[in-house]
Amino acid sequence: METLTNNNTAEFRSLCPVATGLDILGDKWTLLILRDMIWGHKSLFSEFKESPEQMPSKMLSNRLKKLEDFGFISKKAGVTNKKSIYYLMEEKGIDAFPIMIEMAIFTSKHFFDYLGHTYTKEARSVMIKNKKEYIGDLVKQYKSFKKKLVL
Protein backbone atom coordinates (compact mmCIF):
# COMPACT_ATOMS: atom_id res chain seq x y z
CA MET A 1 0.00 0.00 0.00
CA GLU A 2 1.13 3.59 -0.47
CA THR A 3 3.12 5.47 2.10
CA LEU A 4 3.83 9.17 2.03
CA THR A 5 7.34 10.39 2.56
CA ASN A 6 8.54 13.80 3.70
CA ASN A 7 8.85 15.21 0.19
CA ASN A 8 5.20 14.35 -0.59
CA THR A 9 6.02 11.51 -2.94
CA ALA A 10 4.46 8.12 -2.55
CA GLU A 11 5.52 4.52 -2.85
CA PHE A 12 3.01 2.16 -4.39
CA ARG A 13 2.82 -1.62 -4.47
CA SER A 14 3.64 -1.90 -8.18
CA LEU A 15 4.29 0.06 -11.34
CA CYS A 16 0.93 -0.97 -12.81
CA PRO A 17 -1.27 2.11 -13.41
CA VAL A 18 -4.42 0.19 -12.38
CA ALA A 19 -2.81 -0.94 -9.10
CA THR A 20 -1.48 2.55 -8.43
CA GLY A 21 -4.91 4.06 -9.15
CA LEU A 22 -6.45 1.60 -6.71
CA ASP A 23 -3.83 2.46 -4.09
CA ILE A 24 -4.96 6.08 -4.34
CA LEU A 25 -8.69 5.87 -5.06
CA GLY A 26 -9.67 2.24 -4.54
CA ASP A 27 -10.61 2.16 -0.88
CA LYS A 28 -14.19 2.02 0.31
CA TRP A 29 -14.55 5.77 1.02
CA THR A 30 -12.36 8.05 -1.10
CA LEU A 31 -14.53 8.28 -4.20
CA LEU A 32 -17.60 8.82 -2.00
CA ILE A 33 -16.00 11.95 -0.54
CA LEU A 34 -15.24 13.23 -4.04
CA ARG A 35 -18.78 12.27 -5.09
CA ASP A 36 -20.23 14.30 -2.22
CA MET A 37 -18.11 17.26 -3.20
CA ILE A 38 -18.94 17.39 -6.90
CA TRP A 39 -22.55 16.17 -6.86
CA GLY A 40 -23.59 17.38 -3.41
CA HIS A 41 -21.37 20.46 -3.03
CA LYS A 42 -20.34 19.35 0.43
CA SER A 43 -17.35 21.10 1.93
CA LEU A 44 -17.60 20.82 5.72
CA PHE A 45 -16.78 17.77 7.84
CA SER A 46 -20.30 17.78 9.29
CA GLU A 47 -21.78 17.71 5.76
CA PHE A 48 -19.73 14.64 4.84
CA LYS A 49 -20.95 12.95 8.02
CA GLU A 50 -24.55 13.31 6.77
CA SER A 51 -23.91 11.02 3.78
CA PRO A 52 -26.07 7.88 3.66
CA GLU A 53 -23.04 5.58 3.92
CA GLN A 54 -22.31 6.89 7.45
CA MET A 55 -18.54 6.99 7.29
CA PRO A 56 -16.94 6.81 10.75
CA SER A 57 -15.41 10.15 11.84
CA LYS A 58 -11.88 8.80 12.18
CA MET A 59 -12.06 7.24 8.71
CA LEU A 60 -13.40 10.49 7.26
CA SER A 61 -10.55 12.44 8.85
CA ASN A 62 -8.01 9.97 7.48
CA ARG A 63 -9.47 10.04 3.96
CA LEU A 64 -9.69 13.83 3.86
CA LYS A 65 -6.03 14.00 4.92
CA LYS A 66 -5.07 11.44 2.27
CA LEU A 67 -6.93 13.37 -0.44
CA GLU A 68 -5.23 16.57 0.69
CA ASP A 69 -1.78 14.95 0.76
CA PHE A 70 -2.27 13.68 -2.80
CA GLY A 71 -3.52 17.08 -4.03
CA PHE A 72 -7.11 16.07 -4.78
CA ILE A 73 -8.51 18.57 -2.29
CA SER A 74 -7.35 21.54 -0.26
CA LYS A 75 -8.61 22.83 3.04
CA LYS A 76 -9.18 26.38 4.09
CA ALA A 77 -10.28 27.98 7.34
CA GLY A 78 -13.44 30.05 7.27
CA VAL A 79 -13.18 33.82 7.52
CA THR A 80 -16.32 34.51 9.53
CA ASN A 81 -15.95 31.40 11.65
CA LYS A 82 -12.29 30.50 12.04
CA LYS A 83 -13.27 27.09 13.46
CA SER A 84 -14.95 26.09 10.19
CA ILE A 85 -12.66 24.14 7.90
CA TYR A 86 -13.72 23.92 4.26
CA TYR A 87 -12.56 21.08 2.03
CA LEU A 88 -12.39 22.10 -1.62
CA MET A 89 -11.86 19.94 -4.65
CA GLU A 90 -8.82 20.81 -6.74
CA GLU A 91 -8.14 19.96 -10.41
CA LYS A 92 -6.77 16.52 -9.60
CA GLY A 93 -10.01 15.71 -7.75
CA ILE A 94 -12.07 17.04 -10.64
CA ASP A 95 -10.02 14.86 -13.00
CA ALA A 96 -11.25 11.81 -11.04
CA PHE A 97 -14.88 12.66 -11.82
CA PRO A 98 -15.03 10.71 -15.13
CA ILE A 99 -14.01 7.58 -13.19
CA MET A 100 -17.10 8.01 -11.03
CA ILE A 101 -19.28 8.46 -14.12
CA GLU A 102 -17.91 5.25 -15.64
CA MET A 103 -18.55 3.41 -12.36
CA ALA A 104 -22.12 4.72 -12.28
CA ILE A 105 -22.70 3.61 -15.89
CA PHE A 106 -21.23 0.16 -15.22
CA THR A 107 -23.22 -0.30 -12.00
CA SER A 108 -26.46 0.87 -13.57
CA LYS A 109 -25.93 -1.55 -16.47
CA HIS A 110 -25.21 -4.61 -14.34
CA PHE A 111 -26.95 -3.86 -11.02
CA PHE A 112 -29.82 -1.55 -11.99
CA ASP A 113 -32.43 -3.50 -10.01
CA TYR A 114 -30.41 -3.03 -6.82
CA LEU A 115 -30.34 0.77 -7.20
CA GLY A 116 -34.08 1.11 -6.68
CA HIS A 117 -35.49 4.60 -7.00
CA THR A 118 -32.13 6.32 -6.42
CA TYR A 119 -31.13 6.05 -10.05
CA THR A 120 -33.19 6.20 -13.22
CA LYS A 121 -32.67 4.88 -16.72
CA GLU A 122 -32.94 8.50 -17.88
CA ALA A 123 -29.99 9.51 -15.70
CA ARG A 124 -27.94 6.64 -17.11
CA SER A 125 -28.99 7.58 -20.63
CA VAL A 126 -27.83 11.18 -20.14
CA MET A 127 -24.50 10.00 -18.74
CA ILE A 128 -23.93 7.70 -21.70
CA LYS A 129 -25.26 9.81 -24.58
CA ASN A 130 -23.90 13.16 -23.41
CA LYS A 131 -21.07 12.04 -21.14
CA LYS A 132 -18.66 14.84 -21.99
CA GLU A 133 -21.36 17.53 -21.68
CA TYR A 134 -22.72 16.00 -18.46
CA ILE A 135 -19.25 15.97 -16.89
CA GLY A 136 -18.55 19.50 -18.11
CA ASP A 137 -21.81 20.83 -16.68
CA LEU A 138 -21.23 19.29 -13.24
CA VAL A 139 -17.63 20.51 -13.14
CA LYS A 140 -18.81 24.00 -14.09
CA GLN A 141 -21.47 23.90 -11.35
CA TYR A 142 -18.90 22.79 -8.78
CA LYS A 143 -16.44 25.52 -9.76
CA SER A 144 -19.22 28.10 -9.49
CA PHE A 145 -20.16 26.75 -6.04
CA LYS A 146 -16.51 26.88 -4.96
CA LYS A 147 -16.16 30.53 -6.08
CA LYS A 148 -19.30 31.54 -4.17
CA LEU A 149 -18.06 30.13 -0.86
CA VAL A 150 -17.18 32.93 1.51
CA LEU A 151 -13.96 31.82 3.11
C-alpha atoms as a PDB file:
ATOM      1  CA  MET A   1       0.000   0.000   0.000  1.00  0.00           C
ATOM      2  CA  GLU A   2       1.128   3.585  -0.473  1.00  0.00           C
ATOM      3  CA  THR A   3       3.121   5.470   2.103  1.00  0.00           C
ATOM      4  CA  LEU A   4       3.831   9.167   2.032  1.00  0.00           C
ATOM      5  CA  THR A   5       7.341  10.386   2.561  1.00  0.00           C
ATOM      6  CA  ASN A   6       8.545  13.796   3.697  1.00  0.00           C
ATOM      7  CA  ASN A   7       8.853  15.215   0.187  1.00  0.00           C
ATOM      8  CA  ASN A   8       5.204  14.353  -0.589  1.00  0.00           C
ATOM      9  CA  THR A   9       6.023  11.510  -2.944  1.00  0.00           C
ATOM     10  CA  ALA A  10       4.465   8.124  -2.554  1.00  0.00           C
ATOM     11  CA  GLU A  11       5.520   4.521  -2.850  1.00  0.00           C
ATOM     12  CA  PHE A  12       3.013   2.160  -4.389  1.00  0.00           C
ATOM     13  CA  ARG A  13       2.824  -1.624  -4.469  1.00  0.00           C
ATOM     14  CA  SER A  14       3.636  -1.898  -8.179  1.00  0.00           C
ATOM     15  CA  LEU A  15       4.293   0.060 -11.341  1.00  0.00           C
ATOM     16  CA  CYS A  16       0.930  -0.969 -12.810  1.00  0.00           C
ATOM     17  CA  PRO A  17      -1.273   2.107 -13.411  1.00  0.00           C
ATOM     18  CA  VAL A  18      -4.418   0.190 -12.377  1.00  0.00           C
ATOM     19  CA  ALA A  19      -2.815  -0.944  -9.103  1.00  0.00           C
ATOM     20  CA  THR A  20      -1.478   2.549  -8.429  1.00  0.00           C
ATOM     21  CA  GLY A  21      -4.909   4.056  -9.147  1.00  0.00           C
ATOM     22  CA  LEU A  22      -6.451   1.597  -6.710  1.00  0.00           C
ATOM     23  CA  ASP A  23      -3.830   2.461  -4.088  1.00  0.00           C
ATOM     24  CA  ILE A  24      -4.962   6.084  -4.343  1.00  0.00           C
ATOM     25  CA  LEU A  25      -8.695   5.869  -5.065  1.00  0.00           C
ATOM     26  CA  GLY A  26      -9.674   2.238  -4.540  1.00  0.00           C
ATOM     27  CA  ASP A  27     -10.611   2.162  -0.881  1.00  0.00           C
ATOM     28  CA  LYS A  28     -14.191   2.025   0.310  1.00  0.00           C
ATOM     29  CA  TRP A  29     -14.551   5.771   1.016  1.00  0.00           C
ATOM     30  CA  THR A  30     -12.357   8.047  -1.095  1.00  0.00           C
ATOM     31  CA  LEU A  31     -14.534   8.278  -4.203  1.00  0.00           C
ATOM     32  CA  LEU A  32     -17.596   8.818  -1.998  1.00  0.00           C
ATOM     33  CA  ILE A  33     -16.004  11.948  -0.539  1.00  0.00           C
ATOM     34  CA  LEU A  34     -15.242  13.229  -4.036  1.00  0.00           C
ATOM     35  CA  ARG A  35     -18.784  12.274  -5.093  1.00  0.00           C
ATOM     36  CA  ASP A  36     -20.231  14.297  -2.225  1.00  0.00           C
ATOM     37  CA  MET A  37     -18.106  17.259  -3.201  1.00  0.00           C
ATOM     38  CA  ILE A  38     -18.939  17.388  -6.896  1.00  0.00           C
ATOM     39  CA  TRP A  39     -22.550  16.166  -6.863  1.00  0.00           C
ATOM     40  CA  GLY A  40     -23.587  17.379  -3.413  1.00  0.00           C
ATOM     41  CA  HIS A  41     -21.366  20.463  -3.035  1.00  0.00           C
ATOM     42  CA  LYS A  42     -20.341  19.347   0.430  1.00  0.00           C
ATOM     43  CA  SER A  43     -17.346  21.101   1.933  1.00  0.00           C
ATOM     44  CA  LEU A  44     -17.599  20.816   5.723  1.00  0.00           C
ATOM     45  CA  PHE A  45     -16.777  17.769   7.843  1.00  0.00           C
ATOM     46  CA  SER A  46     -20.298  17.781   9.285  1.00  0.00           C
ATOM     47  CA  GLU A  47     -21.777  17.708   5.765  1.00  0.00           C
ATOM     48  CA  PHE A  48     -19.730  14.636   4.836  1.00  0.00           C
ATOM     49  CA  LYS A  49     -20.952  12.953   8.023  1.00  0.00           C
ATOM     50  CA  GLU A  50     -24.551  13.313   6.768  1.00  0.00           C
ATOM     51  CA  SER A  51     -23.912  11.023   3.777  1.00  0.00           C
ATOM     52  CA  PRO A  52     -26.072   7.882   3.663  1.00  0.00           C
ATOM     53  CA  GLU A  53     -23.035   5.581   3.922  1.00  0.00           C
ATOM     54  CA  GLN A  54     -22.311   6.887   7.446  1.00  0.00           C
ATOM     55  CA  MET A  55     -18.540   6.988   7.290  1.00  0.00           C
ATOM     56  CA  PRO A  56     -16.940   6.812  10.752  1.00  0.00           C
ATOM     57  CA  SER A  57     -15.415  10.149  11.845  1.00  0.00           C
ATOM     58  CA  LYS A  58     -11.881   8.799  12.179  1.00  0.00           C
ATOM     59  CA  MET A  59     -12.062   7.238   8.711  1.00  0.00           C
ATOM     60  CA  LEU A  60     -13.401  10.486   7.260  1.00  0.00           C
ATOM     61  CA  SER A  61     -10.551  12.439   8.849  1.00  0.00           C
ATOM     62  CA  ASN A  62      -8.008   9.966   7.476  1.00  0.00           C
ATOM     63  CA  ARG A  63      -9.467  10.042   3.960  1.00  0.00           C
ATOM     64  CA  LEU A  64      -9.688  13.827   3.863  1.00  0.00           C
ATOM     65  CA  LYS A  65      -6.027  13.998   4.924  1.00  0.00           C
ATOM     66  CA  LYS A  66      -5.074  11.440   2.267  1.00  0.00           C
ATOM     67  CA  LEU A  67      -6.929  13.370  -0.437  1.00  0.00           C
ATOM     68  CA  GLU A  68      -5.233  16.573   0.695  1.00  0.00           C
ATOM     69  CA  ASP A  69      -1.779  14.950   0.755  1.00  0.00           C
ATOM     70  CA  PHE A  70      -2.273  13.682  -2.796  1.00  0.00           C
ATOM     71  CA  GLY A  71      -3.516  17.075  -4.033  1.00  0.00           C
ATOM     72  CA  PHE A  72      -7.114  16.065  -4.782  1.00  0.00           C
ATOM     73  CA  ILE A  73      -8.510  18.565  -2.289  1.00  0.00           C
ATOM     74  CA  SER A  74      -7.352  21.540  -0.264  1.00  0.00           C
ATOM     75  CA  LYS A  75      -8.610  22.826   3.041  1.00  0.00           C
ATOM     76  CA  LYS A  76      -9.181  26.381   4.089  1.00  0.00           C
ATOM     77  CA  ALA A  77     -10.279  27.980   7.341  1.00  0.00           C
ATOM     78  CA  GLY A  78     -13.438  30.049   7.274  1.00  0.00           C
ATOM     79  CA  VAL A  79     -13.184  33.819   7.517  1.00  0.00           C
ATOM     80  CA  THR A  80     -16.322  34.508   9.530  1.00  0.00           C
ATOM     81  CA  ASN A  81     -15.954  31.395  11.654  1.00  0.00           C
ATOM     82  CA  LYS A  82     -12.290  30.496  12.045  1.00  0.00           C
ATOM     83  CA  LYS A  83     -13.271  27.087  13.459  1.00  0.00           C
ATOM     84  CA  SER A  84     -14.954  26.093  10.193  1.00  0.00           C
ATOM     85  CA  ILE A  85     -12.657  24.140   7.896  1.00  0.00           C
ATOM     86  CA  TYR A  86     -13.721  23.916   4.258  1.00  0.00           C
ATOM     87  CA  TYR A  87     -12.558  21.082   2.031  1.00  0.00           C
ATOM     88  CA  LEU A  88     -12.395  22.100  -1.619  1.00  0.00           C
ATOM     89  CA  MET A  89     -11.857  19.938  -4.654  1.00  0.00           C
ATOM     90  CA  GLU A  90      -8.815  20.812  -6.743  1.00  0.00           C
ATOM     91  CA  GLU A  91      -8.140  19.959 -10.406  1.00  0.00           C
ATOM     92  CA  LYS A  92      -6.773  16.517  -9.595  1.00  0.00           C
ATOM     93  CA  GLY A  93     -10.008  15.711  -7.748  1.00  0.00           C
ATOM     94  CA  ILE A  94     -12.065  17.042 -10.639  1.00  0.00           C
ATOM     95  CA  ASP A  95     -10.022  14.856 -13.001  1.00  0.00           C
ATOM     96  CA  ALA A  96     -11.254  11.805 -11.036  1.00  0.00           C
ATOM     97  CA  PHE A  97     -14.882  12.655 -11.818  1.00  0.00           C
ATOM     98  CA  PRO A  98     -15.028  10.714 -15.129  1.00  0.00           C
ATOM     99  CA  ILE A  99     -14.007   7.582 -13.189  1.00  0.00           C
ATOM    100  CA  MET A 100     -17.103   8.007 -11.027  1.00  0.00           C
ATOM    101  CA  ILE A 101     -19.277   8.463 -14.118  1.00  0.00           C
ATOM    102  CA  GLU A 102     -17.906   5.248 -15.642  1.00  0.00           C
ATOM    103  CA  MET A 103     -18.547   3.410 -12.364  1.00  0.00           C
ATOM    104  CA  ALA A 104     -22.124   4.724 -12.282  1.00  0.00           C
ATOM    105  CA  ILE A 105     -22.703   3.614 -15.889  1.00  0.00           C
ATOM    106  CA  PHE A 106     -21.231   0.160 -15.221  1.00  0.00           C
ATOM    107  CA  THR A 107     -23.219  -0.296 -12.005  1.00  0.00           C
ATOM    108  CA  SER A 108     -26.463   0.867 -13.567  1.00  0.00           C
ATOM    109  CA  LYS A 109     -25.932  -1.545 -16.465  1.00  0.00           C
ATOM    110  CA  HIS A 110     -25.208  -4.606 -14.338  1.00  0.00           C
ATOM    111  CA  PHE A 111     -26.949  -3.858 -11.020  1.00  0.00           C
ATOM    112  CA  PHE A 112     -29.816  -1.553 -11.988  1.00  0.00           C
ATOM    113  CA  ASP A 113     -32.430  -3.497 -10.008  1.00  0.00           C
ATOM    114  CA  TYR A 114     -30.413  -3.025  -6.822  1.00  0.00           C
ATOM    115  CA  LEU A 115     -30.339   0.768  -7.203  1.00  0.00           C
ATOM    116  CA  GLY A 116     -34.084   1.105  -6.684  1.00  0.00           C
ATOM    117  CA  HIS A 117     -35.493   4.604  -6.999  1.00  0.00           C
ATOM    118  CA  THR A 118     -32.127   6.318  -6.418  1.00  0.00           C
ATOM    119  CA  TYR A 119     -31.132   6.046 -10.053  1.00  0.00           C
ATOM    120  CA  THR A 120     -33.191   6.200 -13.222  1.00  0.00           C
ATOM    121  CA  LYS A 121     -32.667   4.881 -16.725  1.00  0.00           C
ATOM    122  CA  GLU A 122     -32.942   8.500 -17.883  1.00  0.00           C
ATOM    123  CA  ALA A 123     -29.987   9.509 -15.704  1.00  0.00           C
ATOM    124  CA  ARG A 124     -27.942   6.635 -17.105  1.00  0.00           C
ATOM    125  CA  SER A 125     -28.986   7.581 -20.632  1.00  0.00           C
ATOM    126  CA  VAL A 126     -27.834  11.179 -20.144  1.00  0.00           C
ATOM    127  CA  MET A 127     -24.501   9.997 -18.735  1.00  0.00           C
ATOM    128  CA  ILE A 128     -23.929   7.703 -21.699  1.00  0.00           C
ATOM    129  CA  LYS A 129     -25.262   9.814 -24.582  1.00  0.00           C
ATOM    130  CA  ASN A 130     -23.899  13.163 -23.413  1.00  0.00           C
ATOM    131  CA  LYS A 131     -21.074  12.041 -21.138  1.00  0.00           C
ATOM    132  CA  LYS A 132     -18.662  14.842 -21.994  1.00  0.00           C
ATOM    133  CA  GLU A 133     -21.361  17.529 -21.681  1.00  0.00           C
ATOM    134  CA  TYR A 134     -22.716  15.998 -18.460  1.00  0.00           C
ATOM    135  CA  ILE A 135     -19.254  15.973 -16.888  1.00  0.00           C
ATOM    136  CA  GLY A 136     -18.550  19.504 -18.111  1.00  0.00           C
ATOM    137  CA  ASP A 137     -21.815  20.835 -16.679  1.00  0.00           C
ATOM    138  CA  LEU A 138     -21.233  19.288 -13.242  1.00  0.00           C
ATOM    139  CA  VAL A 139     -17.634  20.513 -13.139  1.00  0.00           C
ATOM    140  CA  LYS A 140     -18.808  24.004 -14.089  1.00  0.00           C
ATOM    141  CA  GLN A 141     -21.474  23.897 -11.352  1.00  0.00           C
ATOM    142  CA  TYR A 142     -18.898  22.791  -8.784  1.00  0.00           C
ATOM    143  CA  LYS A 143     -16.436  25.517  -9.757  1.00  0.00           C
ATOM    144  CA  SER A 144     -19.225  28.097  -9.494  1.00  0.00           C
ATOM    145  CA  PHE A 145     -20.155  26.746  -6.042  1.00  0.00           C
ATOM    146  CA  LYS A 146     -16.511  26.880  -4.959  1.00  0.00           C
ATOM    147  CA  LYS A 147     -16.160  30.530  -6.077  1.00  0.00           C
ATOM    148  CA  LYS A 148     -19.296  31.540  -4.171  1.00  0.00           C
ATOM    149  CA  LEU A 149     -18.064  30.128  -0.860  1.00  0.00           C
ATOM    150  CA  VAL A 150     -17.182  32.926   1.510  1.00  0.00           C
ATOM    151  CA  LEU A 151     -13.964  31.820   3.107  1.00  0.00           C
END
